Amino acid sequence: MGNSKEAATLGAAALENIASVLGVAPTEVRDVWPLKQGLTNDSWHFATPAGEYVYRSPGIGTEDLIDREAEVAALRVARDLGLDGTFVHEDARAGWKISRFIADARTLNAHDGAEVARAMRMARTLHASNARVGRS
């Protein structure tokens, strides 16, 4: 592994989760660096021979704040409708998630009419799908 010290900071359990979901050896996980350490979750960038990803590790107490089953259902709906191609896997019980990494991702620019129009088309697609999850 190119940077075993950085991968070790991710933790053995996370490396095993990544290996299991992506079908790689833990030693193939490289280029690990923190993306965000927030109030509820920590997120880490990592790479494997198959590409770049994000590993989300749940923060303490998030199981009391977030309905992970509903989160997984919503992520699957967004993926299946073609609205979000980043979702790979989430363990709803444990709260960790793997997503595809988007280089140079940024927040929508609400002052850019084309971006807002695209977001509204996506919202209409979701609304028109009549998709349901177990929570409102």
Protein backbone atom coordinates (compact mmCIF):
# COMPACT_ATOMS: atom_id res chain seq x y z
CA MET A 1 0.00 0.00 0.00
CA GLY A 2 1.42 3.37 -0.96
CA ASN A 3 0.59 5.16 2.30
CA SER A 4 -0.09 2.54 4.94
CA LYS A 5 0.16 5.10 7.75
CA GLU A 6 -2.67 7.16 6.24
CA ALA A 7 -4.76 4.06 5.55
CA ALA A 8 -4.19 2.90 9.12
CA THR A 9 -5.74 6.13 10.40
CA LEU A 10 -8.91 5.13 8.58
CA GLY A 11 -9.03 2.04 10.78
CA ALA A 12 -8.94 -1.69 10.32
CA ALA A 13 -12.74 -2.06 10.38
CA ALA A 14 -13.16 0.55 7.64
CA LEU A 15 -10.48 -1.11 5.53
CA GLU A 16 -12.27 -4.45 5.90
CA ASN A 17 -15.59 -2.82 4.95
CA ILE A 18 -14.01 -1.28 1.86
CA ALA A 19 -12.33 -4.55 0.89
CA SER A 20 -15.56 -6.50 1.30
CA VAL A 21 -17.76 -4.11 -0.70
CA LEU A 22 -15.32 -3.31 -3.49
CA GLY A 23 -13.69 -6.75 -3.74
CA VAL A 24 -10.16 -5.50 -3.13
CA ALA A 25 -7.49 -6.39 -0.60
CA PRO A 26 -7.08 -3.93 2.29
CA THR A 27 -3.51 -3.43 1.06
CA GLU A 28 -4.90 -2.03 -2.22
CA VAL A 29 -6.53 0.92 -0.42
CA ARG A 30 -4.33 3.98 -0.93
CA ASP A 31 -4.37 7.78 -1.14
CA VAL A 32 -6.33 8.09 2.09
CA TRP A 33 -6.99 11.59 3.39
CA PRO A 34 -9.73 13.24 5.42
CA LEU A 35 -12.32 15.19 3.45
CA LYS A 36 -14.46 16.48 6.27
CA GLN A 37 -14.75 16.03 9.96
CA GLY A 38 -18.12 17.33 10.97
CA LEU A 39 -20.53 17.31 13.83
CA THR A 40 -22.13 14.05 12.76
CA ASN A 41 -19.77 12.16 10.44
CA ASP A 42 -16.17 11.88 9.29
CA SER A 43 -15.49 11.43 5.57
CA TRP A 44 -12.33 10.06 3.99
CA HIS A 45 -11.09 9.99 0.41
CA PHE A 46 -9.48 6.74 -0.68
CA ALA A 47 -8.48 5.09 -3.93
CA THR A 48 -8.31 1.51 -5.15
CA PRO A 49 -7.36 0.08 -8.54
CA ALA A 50 -11.05 0.53 -9.48
CA GLY A 51 -11.16 4.28 -8.80
CA GLU A 52 -11.59 6.96 -6.16
CA TYR A 53 -14.17 6.80 -3.39
CA VAL A 54 -15.40 8.37 -0.18
CA TYR A 55 -15.84 6.43 3.05
CA ARG A 56 -18.23 7.95 5.56
CA SER A 57 -17.79 6.93 9.15
CA PRO A 58 -20.74 7.76 11.41
CA GLY A 59 -20.19 10.04 14.37
CA ILE A 60 -21.08 9.19 17.92
CA GLY A 61 -24.81 9.41 18.54
CA THR A 62 -25.82 9.72 14.89
CA GLU A 63 -27.96 6.61 15.22
CA ASP A 64 -30.24 8.74 17.40
CA LEU A 65 -30.38 11.56 14.83
CA ILE A 66 -30.52 9.85 11.46
CA ASP A 67 -32.81 7.09 10.22
CA ARG A 68 -30.20 5.16 8.25
CA GLU A 69 -32.75 2.73 6.77
CA ALA A 70 -34.63 5.69 5.26
CA GLU A 71 -31.33 7.20 4.13
CA VAL A 72 -30.40 4.00 2.28
CA ALA A 73 -33.85 3.81 0.69
CA ALA A 74 -33.59 7.43 -0.50
CA LEU A 75 -30.08 6.89 -1.86
CA ARG A 76 -31.25 3.84 -3.80
CA VAL A 77 -34.19 5.77 -5.27
CA ALA A 78 -31.89 8.61 -6.36
CA ARG A 79 -29.45 6.10 -7.88
CA ASP A 80 -32.16 4.10 -9.65
CA LEU A 81 -33.71 7.27 -11.12
CA GLY A 82 -30.32 8.36 -12.45
CA LEU A 83 -30.20 11.38 -10.13
CA ASP A 84 -27.13 10.28 -8.14
CA GLY A 85 -24.50 8.01 -9.60
CA THR A 86 -22.20 8.19 -6.58
CA PHE A 87 -23.94 5.78 -4.19
CA VAL A 88 -22.15 2.44 -3.86
CA HIS A 89 -23.12 0.91 -0.50
CA GLU A 90 -24.30 1.76 2.99
CA ASP A 91 -24.50 -0.41 6.07
CA ALA A 92 -27.67 1.02 7.62
CA ARG A 93 -27.10 -0.71 10.93
CA ALA A 94 -23.54 0.52 11.43
CA GLY A 95 -23.95 3.81 9.52
CA TRP A 96 -20.87 3.66 7.28
CA LYS A 97 -21.18 4.39 3.58
CA ILE A 98 -19.09 4.17 0.42
CA SER A 99 -19.66 6.59 -2.47
CA ARG A 100 -17.81 7.42 -5.64
CA PHE A 101 -15.54 10.46 -5.29
CA ILE A 102 -16.32 13.46 -7.48
CA ALA A 103 -13.23 15.58 -8.09
CA ASP A 104 -13.86 19.32 -7.92
CA ALA A 105 -17.41 18.85 -6.60
CA ARG A 106 -19.11 22.02 -5.46
CA THR A 107 -22.42 23.31 -4.21
CA LEU A 108 -25.05 24.39 -6.72
CA ASN A 109 -24.78 28.03 -7.71
CA ALA A 110 -28.27 29.43 -7.03
CA HIS A 111 -27.41 32.47 -9.19
CA ASP A 112 -26.78 30.35 -12.29
CA GLY A 113 -30.07 29.85 -14.12
CA ALA A 114 -28.86 26.79 -16.01
CA GLU A 115 -27.79 25.05 -12.81
CA VAL A 116 -31.07 25.89 -11.07
CA ALA A 117 -33.05 24.65 -14.09
CA ARG A 118 -31.14 21.36 -14.04
CA ALA A 119 -31.79 20.98 -10.30
CA MET A 120 -35.49 21.63 -10.84
CA ARG A 121 -35.61 19.02 -13.63
CA MET A 122 -34.06 16.55 -11.20
CA ALA A 123 -36.62 17.47 -8.52
CA ARG A 124 -39.44 16.97 -11.06
CA THR A 125 -38.02 13.57 -12.00
CA LEU A 126 -38.03 12.55 -8.35
CA HIS A 127 -41.52 13.93 -7.74
CA ALA A 128 -42.98 12.37 -10.88
CA SER A 129 -41.50 8.97 -10.03
CA ASN A 130 -43.93 8.56 -7.12
CA ALA A 131 -41.09 6.78 -5.31
CA ARG A 132 -41.78 6.07 -1.67
CA VAL A 133 -39.50 5.40 1.26
CA GLY A 134 -40.54 4.30 4.72
CA ARG A 135 -40.37 7.79 6.15
CA SER A 136 -41.59 11.27 5.27
